[in-house]
N, C-alpha and C. Protein backbone atom coordinates (compact mmCIF):
# COMPACT_ATOMS: atom_id res chain seq x y z
N MET A 1 -3.30 1.06 46.25
CA MET A 1 -3.55 1.22 44.84
C MET A 1 -3.89 -0.13 44.18
N ALA A 2 -3.12 -1.15 44.52
CA ALA A 2 -3.38 -2.47 43.95
C ALA A 2 -4.72 -3.02 44.43
N THR A 3 -5.07 -2.73 45.68
CA THR A 3 -6.35 -3.23 46.19
C THR A 3 -7.52 -2.53 45.52
N ASP A 4 -7.36 -1.25 45.19
CA ASP A 4 -8.42 -0.53 44.46
C ASP A 4 -8.63 -1.13 43.08
N ARG A 5 -7.53 -1.44 42.41
CA ARG A 5 -7.62 -2.05 41.08
C ARG A 5 -8.26 -3.42 41.17
N LEU A 6 -7.90 -4.19 42.17
CA LEU A 6 -8.48 -5.52 42.35
C LEU A 6 -9.98 -5.43 42.62
N LYS A 7 -10.39 -4.48 43.44
CA LYS A 7 -11.82 -4.27 43.70
C LYS A 7 -12.56 -3.91 42.42
N SER A 8 -11.93 -3.09 41.59
CA SER A 8 -12.54 -2.70 40.33
C SER A 8 -12.73 -3.90 39.42
N ILE A 9 -11.72 -4.75 39.33
CA ILE A 9 -11.81 -5.94 38.48
C ILE A 9 -12.87 -6.90 39.01
N VAL A 10 -12.89 -7.10 40.32
CA VAL A 10 -13.88 -8.01 40.92
C VAL A 10 -15.29 -7.50 40.66
N SER A 11 -15.49 -6.19 40.70
CA SER A 11 -16.83 -5.65 40.45
C SER A 11 -17.29 -5.91 39.02
N HIS A 12 -16.35 -6.04 38.08
CA HIS A 12 -16.70 -6.33 36.69
C HIS A 12 -17.12 -7.77 36.48
N ILE A 13 -16.59 -8.67 37.28
CA ILE A 13 -16.89 -10.10 37.06
C ILE A 13 -17.91 -10.66 38.04
N THR A 14 -18.31 -9.87 39.02
CA THR A 14 -19.32 -10.30 39.98
C THR A 14 -20.70 -10.12 39.37
N PRO A 15 -21.56 -11.13 39.41
CA PRO A 15 -22.91 -10.99 38.84
C PRO A 15 -23.68 -9.85 39.51
N SER A 16 -24.47 -9.15 38.72
CA SER A 16 -25.29 -8.07 39.28
C SER A 16 -26.48 -8.66 40.02
N LYS A 17 -27.11 -7.85 40.85
CA LYS A 17 -28.22 -8.32 41.68
C LYS A 17 -29.46 -8.63 40.85
N GLY A 18 -29.68 -7.87 39.76
CA GLY A 18 -30.88 -8.05 38.97
C GLY A 18 -30.81 -9.22 38.02
N GLY A 19 -29.62 -9.54 37.56
CA GLY A 19 -29.43 -10.64 36.65
C GLY A 19 -30.15 -10.45 35.32
N LEU A 20 -30.51 -11.56 34.73
CA LEU A 20 -31.15 -11.56 33.42
C LEU A 20 -32.49 -10.84 33.43
N ALA A 21 -33.24 -10.98 34.49
CA ALA A 21 -34.55 -10.33 34.58
C ALA A 21 -34.43 -8.81 34.47
N GLN A 22 -33.38 -8.25 35.05
CA GLN A 22 -33.21 -6.80 35.03
C GLN A 22 -32.84 -6.30 33.63
N ILE A 23 -31.96 -7.00 32.93
CA ILE A 23 -31.53 -6.50 31.63
C ILE A 23 -32.53 -6.81 30.52
N THR A 24 -33.45 -7.74 30.73
CA THR A 24 -34.46 -8.05 29.71
C THR A 24 -35.79 -7.37 29.97
N GLN A 25 -35.86 -6.55 30.99
CA GLN A 25 -37.09 -5.83 31.32
C GLN A 25 -37.39 -4.79 30.23
N LYS A 26 -38.62 -4.70 29.82
CA LYS A 26 -39.02 -3.78 28.76
C LYS A 26 -39.36 -2.41 29.34
N HIS A 27 -38.98 -1.36 28.58
CA HIS A 27 -39.26 0.02 28.96
C HIS A 27 -39.84 0.75 27.75
N PRO A 28 -40.70 1.74 27.96
CA PRO A 28 -41.30 2.44 26.84
C PRO A 28 -40.30 3.22 25.98
N ASP A 29 -39.13 3.54 26.51
CA ASP A 29 -38.16 4.30 25.74
C ASP A 29 -37.04 3.42 25.16
N ASP A 30 -37.26 2.10 25.10
CA ASP A 30 -36.27 1.21 24.51
C ASP A 30 -36.11 1.51 23.02
N VAL A 31 -34.90 1.36 22.53
CA VAL A 31 -34.62 1.55 21.11
C VAL A 31 -35.02 0.27 20.37
N VAL A 32 -35.71 0.45 19.26
CA VAL A 32 -36.16 -0.69 18.47
C VAL A 32 -35.72 -0.47 17.03
N ILE A 33 -34.98 -1.42 16.47
CA ILE A 33 -34.60 -1.35 15.06
C ILE A 33 -35.70 -2.05 14.28
N THR A 34 -36.37 -1.30 13.43
CA THR A 34 -37.50 -1.85 12.70
C THR A 34 -37.13 -2.28 11.29
N LEU A 35 -36.01 -1.78 10.79
CA LEU A 35 -35.65 -2.03 9.40
C LEU A 35 -34.18 -1.72 9.20
N ALA A 36 -33.51 -2.50 8.40
CA ALA A 36 -32.12 -2.21 8.04
C ALA A 36 -32.01 -2.19 6.53
N ILE A 37 -31.47 -1.12 6.00
CA ILE A 37 -31.29 -0.96 4.55
C ILE A 37 -29.85 -0.53 4.33
N ARG A 38 -29.25 -1.04 3.29
CA ARG A 38 -27.89 -0.61 2.98
C ARG A 38 -27.83 -0.05 1.57
N THR A 39 -26.82 0.75 1.34
CA THR A 39 -26.60 1.31 0.01
C THR A 39 -25.88 0.27 -0.85
N PRO A 40 -25.87 0.46 -2.17
CA PRO A 40 -25.18 -0.49 -3.04
C PRO A 40 -23.68 -0.54 -2.76
N LEU A 41 -23.08 -1.67 -3.05
CA LEU A 41 -21.64 -1.82 -2.88
C LEU A 41 -20.92 -1.41 -4.16
N CYS A 42 -19.90 -0.61 -4.02
CA CYS A 42 -19.05 -0.19 -5.14
C CYS A 42 -17.63 -0.02 -4.63
N LYS A 43 -16.70 0.06 -5.54
CA LYS A 43 -15.32 0.34 -5.15
C LYS A 43 -15.21 1.78 -4.68
N GLY A 44 -14.49 2.00 -3.61
CA GLY A 44 -14.30 3.34 -3.07
C GLY A 44 -13.57 4.26 -4.03
N LYS A 45 -14.17 5.39 -4.36
CA LYS A 45 -13.61 6.44 -5.21
C LYS A 45 -13.33 5.99 -6.64
N LYS A 46 -13.80 4.79 -7.02
CA LYS A 46 -13.59 4.29 -8.37
C LYS A 46 -14.86 3.71 -8.98
N GLY A 47 -15.82 3.33 -8.13
CA GLY A 47 -16.98 2.58 -8.59
C GLY A 47 -18.04 3.43 -9.26
N GLY A 48 -19.17 2.80 -9.50
CA GLY A 48 -20.26 3.43 -10.21
C GLY A 48 -20.90 4.60 -9.49
N LEU A 49 -20.70 4.72 -8.19
CA LEU A 49 -21.30 5.82 -7.44
C LEU A 49 -20.29 6.90 -7.06
N LYS A 50 -19.11 6.89 -7.69
CA LYS A 50 -18.05 7.83 -7.29
C LYS A 50 -18.43 9.28 -7.50
N ASP A 51 -19.30 9.56 -8.45
CA ASP A 51 -19.71 10.95 -8.72
C ASP A 51 -21.06 11.29 -8.10
N THR A 52 -21.63 10.37 -7.35
CA THR A 52 -22.93 10.60 -6.72
C THR A 52 -22.73 11.24 -5.35
N PRO A 53 -23.33 12.41 -5.12
CA PRO A 53 -23.16 13.06 -3.82
C PRO A 53 -23.85 12.25 -2.70
N LEU A 54 -23.29 12.35 -1.51
CA LEU A 54 -23.81 11.60 -0.37
C LEU A 54 -25.27 11.93 -0.08
N ASP A 55 -25.65 13.20 -0.20
CA ASP A 55 -27.04 13.55 0.10
C ASP A 55 -28.02 12.88 -0.85
N GLY A 56 -27.61 12.64 -2.09
CA GLY A 56 -28.47 11.93 -3.04
C GLY A 56 -28.67 10.47 -2.64
N ILE A 57 -27.59 9.84 -2.20
CA ILE A 57 -27.68 8.45 -1.74
C ILE A 57 -28.53 8.36 -0.48
N MET A 58 -28.32 9.28 0.45
CA MET A 58 -29.09 9.28 1.70
C MET A 58 -30.57 9.53 1.43
N LEU A 59 -30.87 10.43 0.51
CA LEU A 59 -32.27 10.71 0.19
C LEU A 59 -32.97 9.45 -0.30
N LYS A 60 -32.35 8.74 -1.23
CA LYS A 60 -32.96 7.51 -1.77
C LYS A 60 -33.10 6.45 -0.68
N MET A 61 -32.10 6.35 0.18
CA MET A 61 -32.16 5.36 1.25
C MET A 61 -33.29 5.69 2.23
N LEU A 62 -33.42 6.95 2.63
CA LEU A 62 -34.47 7.33 3.57
C LEU A 62 -35.86 7.21 2.94
N GLU A 63 -35.97 7.45 1.64
CA GLU A 63 -37.25 7.23 0.96
C GLU A 63 -37.64 5.75 1.04
N GLN A 64 -36.67 4.86 0.88
CA GLN A 64 -36.94 3.42 0.99
C GLN A 64 -37.33 3.04 2.41
N VAL A 65 -36.70 3.66 3.39
CA VAL A 65 -37.04 3.39 4.79
C VAL A 65 -38.49 3.75 5.05
N ILE A 66 -38.91 4.92 4.59
CA ILE A 66 -40.29 5.36 4.79
C ILE A 66 -41.25 4.42 4.08
N ALA A 67 -40.92 4.04 2.84
CA ALA A 67 -41.81 3.18 2.06
C ALA A 67 -41.93 1.77 2.65
N LYS A 68 -40.83 1.21 3.12
CA LYS A 68 -40.83 -0.18 3.58
C LYS A 68 -41.20 -0.37 5.05
N SER A 69 -41.03 0.65 5.86
CA SER A 69 -41.24 0.46 7.30
C SER A 69 -42.67 0.70 7.75
N ASN A 70 -43.45 1.40 6.96
CA ASN A 70 -44.82 1.77 7.33
C ASN A 70 -44.86 2.55 8.65
N LEU A 71 -43.83 3.31 8.92
CA LEU A 71 -43.78 4.18 10.09
C LEU A 71 -44.12 5.60 9.70
N ASP A 72 -44.78 6.30 10.59
CA ASP A 72 -45.03 7.72 10.40
C ASP A 72 -43.71 8.45 10.66
N PRO A 73 -43.14 9.15 9.66
CA PRO A 73 -41.86 9.84 9.86
C PRO A 73 -41.89 10.84 11.01
N ALA A 74 -43.06 11.34 11.37
CA ALA A 74 -43.16 12.30 12.48
C ALA A 74 -42.84 11.64 13.83
N LEU A 75 -42.92 10.31 13.90
CA LEU A 75 -42.62 9.60 15.14
C LEU A 75 -41.12 9.38 15.35
N VAL A 76 -40.33 9.57 14.31
CA VAL A 76 -38.89 9.33 14.40
C VAL A 76 -38.23 10.51 15.09
N GLU A 77 -37.53 10.22 16.19
CA GLU A 77 -36.87 11.27 16.95
C GLU A 77 -35.41 11.42 16.58
N ASP A 78 -34.76 10.35 16.13
CA ASP A 78 -33.33 10.41 15.88
C ASP A 78 -32.96 9.37 14.84
N ILE A 79 -32.00 9.70 14.00
CA ILE A 79 -31.48 8.77 13.00
C ILE A 79 -29.97 8.73 13.16
N CYS A 80 -29.43 7.54 13.19
CA CYS A 80 -27.98 7.37 13.31
C CYS A 80 -27.49 6.66 12.06
N VAL A 81 -26.53 7.27 11.37
CA VAL A 81 -26.00 6.72 10.13
C VAL A 81 -24.49 6.61 10.28
N GLY A 82 -23.93 5.54 9.78
CA GLY A 82 -22.48 5.38 9.83
C GLY A 82 -21.98 4.70 8.58
N HIS A 83 -20.67 4.72 8.43
CA HIS A 83 -20.08 4.02 7.30
C HIS A 83 -18.77 3.37 7.74
N VAL A 84 -18.38 2.36 6.98
CA VAL A 84 -17.16 1.63 7.30
C VAL A 84 -16.15 1.86 6.21
């Protein structure tokens, strides 16, 4: 059991065969971030946007993405949104 764990740890710190060339190789399906936009900052549940529904904020943000990115929206396959 201890030898299996040791082998696992060694495999994490041993350099891979491809090295830097392998991880920097370009592929047609690579993810590319073309633009970053954020919503206004306000106090949570107290600020100026406390009564604004999330879909309204998202709509305005996505309109800005379309306007500023010069991307055809039909080319977008997936959108990932998060909050902190």
